[in-house]
Amino acid sequence: MIRYGVLSTAQVVPRFVAGVKESQDGIVTAIASRGIEKARKMAQELAIPTAFGSYEELCQSEEVDIVYVAVYNKGHYDAAKLALLNNKHVLLEKPFTMTLKQAEELFAIAKERQLFLMEAQKALFLPITNQIQQIIQEGKLGNVRWLDSVTAYPNIDHISWFRDLSAGGGVFRGAGTYPLEYMQHLLNASPDEAKGTLTFPEGQSDAQAQITLNFPNGVIGTIFLTVDLDLTKRMIIYGDKGKIIVPDFWKTDTAEIQYKDGQTETLRAVQNSEFVFEVDHVNDCLKQKRTESPIVTKELTLKTVAITESIYKNYQK
């Protein structure tokens, strides 16, 4: 079995642990928090055998093969580096790091130590995502011309640090990597150009973001993110023969194709956990002794970190 150690007791952790438990070859053996009481409480709730009161203890544990890092955004780099330097494989939640330099350093350490390192991007492994990619590759939509994503989180303040830009808060850094990487994955291409407009309430991180991507072959990608509005979350892929509407694309088990001739087709895939497919992929990579995912590649992650960093830099005083 592949033994997972979890850094953090964040909101995402119970759903991730459920995915590991549903996977073929994964088991969660330990969880750590900065305070032992938090770790013990979640360990008991999720039936995790061992709780640690420091990240260092978990990363040094002989009962852990791979560390899942779900700490606050600015802490990603330090936590992942700690795990790698203790010779643990790493699955690092998005956004990968705050800067391209940090991301490149983590990949360099992983390469030097022959360790697996991957950004967590569960949406790329969903069965529905595979079906959508196949539809596009088979030409059922004709030539894809536009991908449009809308993501809204009107109730975000349960994340205590979200409004703090220095902590890695902000709607673009927090949620923008999902559509950025999903679009690149579907098109099997990176954008040649990326431009962004962010809005910042006084003294806070960005609350709204509009990103425009210029892909090869005349394909445009647009991404709108907000914590100010309650909008329907979806991505739409437009081709000259029809479009695919994907609700909640980062966790969905359904999508609808609408063809120009008026016909419709519904895509469905049964799933209990939206995390299990990513976990199974990670487990397979470790069994094959890979140091890099062939799906969430180093190049995909570095491109996305670079885009994100460059857009934020435009707003630095």
Protein backbone atom coordinates (compact mmCIF):
# COMPACT_ATOMS: atom_id res chain seq x y z
CA MET A 1 0.00 0.00 0.00
CA ILE A 2 1.04 3.60 -0.66
CA ARG A 3 1.09 5.34 2.74
CA TYR A 4 -0.07 8.97 2.79
CA GLY A 5 0.74 11.56 5.43
CA VAL A 6 -1.43 14.68 5.44
CA LEU A 7 -0.06 18.12 6.33
CA SER A 8 -2.98 20.30 7.50
CA THR A 9 -6.46 19.92 8.94
CA ALA A 10 -7.99 22.22 6.29
CA GLN A 11 -11.50 21.87 4.91
CA VAL A 12 -10.33 19.87 1.89
CA VAL A 13 -8.67 17.15 4.00
CA PRO A 14 -11.72 14.94 4.82
CA ARG A 15 -12.65 14.75 1.13
CA PHE A 16 -9.08 13.92 0.14
CA VAL A 17 -8.84 11.21 2.81
CA ALA A 18 -12.13 9.73 1.52
CA GLY A 19 -10.54 9.55 -1.92
CA VAL A 20 -7.48 7.74 -0.59
CA LYS A 21 -9.66 5.24 1.27
CA GLU A 22 -11.61 4.53 -1.92
CA SER A 23 -8.42 4.10 -3.98
CA GLN A 24 -6.98 0.73 -4.91
CA ASP A 25 -3.60 1.05 -3.23
CA GLY A 26 -3.68 4.01 -0.85
CA ILE A 27 -3.93 4.37 2.90
CA VAL A 28 -3.63 7.43 5.16
CA THR A 29 -1.29 6.63 8.05
CA ALA A 30 -0.70 10.05 9.62
CA ILE A 31 -1.91 13.65 9.84
CA ALA A 32 -0.13 16.71 11.22
CA SER A 33 -1.11 20.18 12.33
CA ARG A 34 0.80 23.00 14.03
CA GLY A 35 -1.12 22.03 17.17
CA ILE A 36 -1.44 18.45 18.38
CA GLU A 37 -5.06 18.85 19.53
CA LYS A 38 -6.27 19.79 16.04
CA ALA A 39 -4.38 16.85 14.57
CA ARG A 40 -5.72 14.40 17.14
CA LYS A 41 -9.30 15.59 16.63
CA MET A 42 -9.21 15.12 12.86
CA ALA A 43 -7.29 11.86 13.15
CA GLN A 44 -10.07 10.51 15.35
CA GLU A 45 -12.81 11.80 13.03
CA LEU A 46 -11.19 10.28 9.94
CA ALA A 47 -9.80 7.10 11.53
CA ILE A 48 -6.19 8.05 10.85
CA PRO A 49 -3.79 6.00 13.06
CA THR A 50 -1.23 8.68 13.96
CA ALA A 51 -1.42 12.40 14.76
CA PHE A 52 1.57 14.74 14.94
CA GLY A 53 1.83 18.22 16.42
CA SER A 54 4.44 19.37 13.92
CA TYR A 55 5.03 19.02 10.19
CA GLU A 56 8.61 17.97 10.83
CA GLU A 57 7.55 14.88 12.80
CA LEU A 58 5.25 13.68 10.03
CA CYS A 59 7.87 14.26 7.33
CA GLN A 60 10.37 12.25 9.35
CA SER A 61 7.97 9.36 10.00
CA GLU A 62 8.92 5.97 8.61
CA GLU A 63 5.18 5.22 8.28
CA VAL A 64 4.75 7.76 5.46
CA ASP A 65 5.68 7.33 1.78
CA ILE A 66 4.10 10.45 0.31
CA VAL A 67 3.05 13.75 1.87
CA TYR A 68 -0.14 15.49 0.80
CA VAL A 69 0.36 19.23 1.43
CA ALA A 70 -2.84 21.23 2.00
CA VAL A 71 -1.55 24.07 4.18
CA TYR A 72 -2.37 27.73 3.44
CA ASN A 73 -1.17 28.97 0.05
CA LYS A 74 1.98 30.83 1.10
CA GLY A 75 3.06 27.80 3.15
CA HIS A 76 3.06 25.41 0.16
CA TYR A 77 6.70 25.95 -0.75
CA ASP A 78 8.12 25.53 2.76
CA ALA A 79 5.99 22.47 3.55
CA ALA A 80 6.74 20.73 0.25
CA LYS A 81 10.46 21.48 0.57
CA LEU A 82 10.45 20.06 4.11
CA ALA A 83 8.89 16.83 2.87
CA LEU A 84 11.26 16.50 -0.09
CA LEU A 85 14.33 17.11 2.06
CA ASN A 86 13.13 14.27 4.28
CA ASN A 87 12.97 12.06 1.16
CA LYS A 88 9.18 11.94 0.91
CA HIS A 89 7.24 12.04 -2.33
CA VAL A 90 4.88 15.04 -2.50
CA LEU A 91 1.38 15.79 -3.75
CA LEU A 92 1.08 19.56 -3.40
CA GLU A 93 -2.28 21.32 -3.47
CA LYS A 94 -2.90 24.11 -5.92
CA PRO A 95 -1.76 26.81 -6.28
CA PHE A 96 1.62 25.08 -6.44
CA THR A 97 3.81 27.94 -5.18
CA MET A 98 3.72 31.73 -4.97
CA THR A 99 6.60 32.19 -7.44
CA LEU A 100 8.15 30.47 -10.42
CA LYS A 101 11.53 30.42 -8.67
CA GLN A 102 10.04 28.43 -5.77
CA ALA A 103 8.37 25.97 -8.16
CA GLU A 104 11.57 25.39 -10.12
CA GLU A 105 13.50 24.79 -6.90
CA LEU A 106 11.02 22.16 -5.69
CA PHE A 107 11.21 20.29 -9.00
CA ALA A 108 15.01 20.48 -8.90
CA ILE A 109 15.10 18.95 -5.40
CA ALA A 110 12.68 16.21 -6.46
CA LYS A 111 14.80 15.41 -9.51
CA GLU A 112 18.02 15.35 -7.52
CA ARG A 113 16.54 12.97 -4.93
CA GLN A 114 14.52 10.90 -7.43
CA LEU A 115 11.25 11.78 -5.71
CA PHE A 116 7.76 12.11 -7.15
CA LEU A 117 6.33 15.64 -7.11
CA MET A 118 2.94 16.63 -8.51
CA GLU A 119 0.51 19.51 -8.21
CA ALA A 120 -2.93 18.37 -7.09
CA GLN A 121 -5.31 18.95 -10.01
CA LYS A 122 -8.14 16.48 -9.46
CA ALA A 123 -10.25 17.84 -12.34
CA LEU A 124 -7.80 16.50 -14.94
CA PHE A 125 -8.39 12.92 -13.79
CA LEU A 126 -12.19 12.86 -13.69
CA PRO A 127 -13.84 10.33 -16.03
CA ILE A 128 -15.98 13.16 -17.44
CA THR A 129 -12.82 15.11 -18.30
CA ASN A 130 -11.52 12.13 -20.27
CA GLN A 131 -14.83 11.90 -22.16
CA ILE A 132 -14.78 15.63 -22.97
CA GLN A 133 -11.20 15.45 -24.23
CA GLN A 134 -12.14 12.50 -26.44
CA ILE A 135 -15.14 14.39 -27.86
CA ILE A 136 -12.84 17.28 -28.79
CA GLN A 137 -10.16 15.03 -30.29
CA GLU A 138 -12.74 13.16 -32.38
CA GLY A 139 -13.86 16.46 -33.91
CA LYS A 140 -17.48 16.23 -32.74
CA LEU A 141 -17.42 19.93 -31.84
CA GLY A 142 -15.61 20.81 -35.05
CA ASN A 143 -12.87 23.36 -34.53
CA VAL A 144 -12.76 24.59 -30.94
CA ARG A 145 -12.76 28.39 -30.88
CA TRP A 146 -13.46 29.49 -27.30
CA LEU A 147 -13.35 28.11 -23.78
CA ASP A 148 -15.18 30.19 -21.17
CA SER A 149 -15.05 29.55 -17.43
CA VAL A 150 -17.03 31.17 -14.60
CA THR A 151 -16.20 30.40 -10.96
CA ALA A 152 -17.93 32.09 -8.01
CA TYR A 153 -17.33 31.68 -4.28
CA PRO A 154 -19.73 34.15 -2.59
CA ASN A 155 -19.14 32.64 0.87
CA ILE A 156 -15.36 32.60 1.20
CA ASP A 157 -14.67 34.03 4.64
CA HIS A 158 -14.50 30.62 6.34
CA ILE A 159 -10.94 30.74 4.96
CA SER A 160 -9.43 33.08 7.53
CA TRP A 161 -6.47 34.19 5.40
CA PHE A 162 -8.29 34.57 2.06
CA ARG A 163 -8.42 38.38 2.17
CA ASP A 164 -4.67 38.58 2.92
CA LEU A 165 -2.70 38.83 -0.31
CA SER A 166 0.64 38.27 1.46
CA ALA A 167 -0.65 34.90 2.75
CA GLY A 168 -1.44 33.77 -0.78
CA GLY A 169 -5.07 34.86 -0.61
CA GLY A 170 -7.05 36.17 -3.55
CA VAL A 171 -9.57 34.70 -5.93
CA PHE A 172 -7.18 34.32 -8.86
CA ARG A 173 -4.39 32.60 -6.97
CA GLY A 174 -6.88 30.53 -4.97
CA ALA A 175 -9.12 29.30 -7.78
CA GLY A 176 -7.56 30.35 -11.08
CA THR A 177 -5.22 27.39 -11.47
CA TYR A 178 -8.16 24.99 -11.95
CA PRO A 179 -9.51 26.56 -15.16
CA LEU A 180 -6.01 27.54 -16.32
CA GLU A 181 -4.79 23.95 -16.24
CA TYR A 182 -8.10 22.41 -17.30
CA MET A 183 -8.09 24.46 -20.51
CA GLN A 184 -4.46 23.61 -21.26
CA HIS A 185 -5.21 19.92 -20.63
CA LEU A 186 -8.24 19.83 -22.94
CA LEU A 187 -6.43 21.63 -25.74
CA ASN A 188 -3.08 19.88 -25.13
CA ALA A 189 -1.50 23.31 -25.55
CA SER A 190 -0.28 26.24 -23.50
CA PRO A 191 -1.35 29.83 -24.16
CA ASP A 192 1.01 32.04 -26.12
CA GLU A 193 -0.27 35.09 -24.22
CA ALA A 194 -2.14 35.71 -20.97
CA LYS A 195 -3.63 38.98 -19.76
CA GLY A 196 -5.53 39.65 -16.57
CA THR A 197 -7.61 42.27 -14.80
CA LEU A 198 -7.92 41.98 -11.01
CA THR A 199 -9.99 44.06 -8.60
CA PHE A 200 -8.78 44.67 -5.05
CA PRO A 201 -11.01 45.94 -2.23
CA GLU A 202 -9.11 48.45 -0.09
CA GLY A 203 -6.36 46.67 1.85
CA GLN A 204 -7.45 43.19 0.69
CA SER A 205 -6.58 40.49 -1.84
CA ASP A 206 -8.29 40.36 -5.22
CA ALA A 207 -12.03 39.71 -5.10
CA GLN A 208 -12.64 39.46 -8.85
CA ALA A 209 -10.48 38.43 -11.79
CA GLN A 210 -10.88 38.28 -15.56
CA ILE A 211 -8.18 36.40 -17.47
CA THR A 212 -7.86 36.17 -21.25
CA LEU A 213 -5.70 33.47 -22.83
CA ASN A 214 -4.52 33.35 -26.43
CA PHE A 215 -3.98 29.70 -27.43
CA PRO A 216 -2.50 28.42 -30.72
CA ASN A 217 -4.77 28.00 -33.77
CA GLY A 218 -6.91 31.01 -32.89
CA VAL A 219 -8.45 29.55 -29.73
CA ILE A 220 -9.39 32.01 -26.98
CA GLY A 221 -9.80 31.15 -23.31
CA THR A 222 -11.60 33.43 -20.85
CA ILE A 223 -11.74 32.93 -17.08
CA PHE A 224 -13.91 34.94 -14.68
CA LEU A 225 -13.57 34.45 -10.93
CA THR A 226 -15.44 36.25 -8.16
CA VAL A 227 -16.23 36.20 -4.47
CA ASP A 228 -18.60 39.18 -4.86
CA LEU A 229 -21.30 37.50 -6.94
CA ASP A 230 -23.33 34.30 -6.65
CA LEU A 231 -23.08 32.94 -10.19
CA THR A 232 -23.53 29.53 -11.76
CA LYS A 233 -20.16 27.79 -11.85
CA ARG A 234 -19.41 26.24 -15.23
CA MET A 235 -17.09 25.93 -18.18
CA ILE A 236 -18.33 26.00 -21.77
CA ILE A 237 -16.24 24.72 -24.69
CA TYR A 238 -17.43 26.23 -27.97
CA GLY A 239 -16.73 24.66 -31.36
CA ASP A 240 -18.13 25.50 -34.78
CA LYS A 241 -20.33 22.37 -34.63
CA GLY A 242 -21.58 22.69 -31.06
CA LYS A 243 -20.65 23.29 -27.44
CA ILE A 244 -20.09 21.35 -24.21
CA ILE A 245 -21.46 22.76 -20.95
CA VAL A 246 -19.56 21.47 -17.91
CA PRO A 247 -21.04 22.40 -14.50
CA ASP A 248 -18.62 22.51 -11.55
CA PHE A 249 -15.92 21.17 -13.87
CA TRP A 250 -13.45 20.47 -11.02
CA LYS A 251 -15.70 17.81 -9.47
CA THR A 252 -18.51 17.03 -11.93
CA ASP A 253 -19.85 13.65 -12.98
CA THR A 254 -21.96 15.04 -15.83
CA ALA A 255 -21.76 17.37 -18.85
CA GLU A 256 -24.04 18.22 -21.78
CA ILE A 257 -23.20 18.53 -25.45
CA GLN A 258 -25.43 20.82 -27.53
CA TYR A 259 -24.95 20.42 -31.28
CA LYS A 260 -25.74 23.10 -33.88
CA ASP A 261 -28.46 20.90 -35.41
CA GLY A 262 -30.41 21.00 -32.15
CA GLN A 263 -29.45 17.55 -30.86
CA THR A 264 -28.17 17.13 -27.32
CA GLU A 265 -26.09 14.46 -25.63
CA THR A 266 -25.48 13.97 -21.90
CA LEU A 267 -22.19 12.62 -20.62
CA ARG A 268 -22.29 10.80 -17.27
CA ALA A 269 -19.78 9.01 -15.07
CA VAL A 270 -20.49 7.37 -11.73
CA GLN A 271 -18.24 8.48 -8.88
CA ASN A 272 -18.35 8.62 -5.10
CA SER A 273 -15.23 10.72 -4.59
CA GLU A 274 -13.87 13.25 -7.06
CA PHE A 275 -10.43 12.71 -5.49
CA VAL A 276 -10.07 8.97 -6.02
CA PHE A 277 -9.04 9.18 -9.67
CA GLU A 278 -6.18 11.56 -8.89
CA VAL A 279 -5.08 9.35 -5.98
CA ASP A 280 -5.13 6.23 -8.17
CA HIS A 281 -2.97 8.07 -10.71
CA VAL A 282 -0.46 9.09 -8.04
CA ASN A 283 -0.34 5.53 -6.72
CA ASP A 284 0.31 4.19 -10.23
CA CYS A 285 3.10 6.73 -10.76
CA LEU A 286 4.77 5.66 -7.49
CA LYS A 287 4.48 1.97 -8.33
CA GLN A 288 6.10 2.69 -11.70
CA LYS A 289 8.82 4.71 -9.92
CA ARG A 290 7.98 7.86 -11.86
CA THR A 291 9.22 11.21 -10.54
CA GLU A 292 6.72 13.18 -12.61
CA SER A 293 3.10 12.78 -13.67
CA PRO A 294 2.51 12.40 -17.42
CA ILE A 295 -0.79 14.30 -16.94
CA VAL A 296 0.00 17.13 -14.49
CA THR A 297 3.46 17.64 -15.92
CA LYS A 298 6.23 19.84 -14.61
CA GLU A 299 5.80 22.01 -17.71
CA LEU A 300 2.05 22.46 -17.11
CA THR A 301 2.58 23.48 -13.50
CA LEU A 302 5.48 25.84 -14.24
CA LYS A 303 3.54 27.53 -17.06
CA THR A 304 0.57 28.09 -14.76
CA VAL A 305 2.70 29.44 -11.90
CA ALA A 306 4.44 31.78 -14.36
CA ILE A 307 1.12 33.12 -15.70
CA THR A 308 -0.25 33.65 -12.21
CA GLU A 309 2.88 35.38 -10.94
CA SER A 310 3.12 37.66 -13.99
CA ILE A 311 -0.49 38.86 -13.66
CA TYR A 312 -0.10 39.66 -9.96
CA LYS A 313 3.16 41.50 -10.69
CA ASN A 314 1.21 44.00 -12.79
CA TYR A 315 -0.52 45.14 -9.59
CA GLN A 316 2.54 45.41 -7.36
CA LYS A 317 3.38 48.96 -6.36
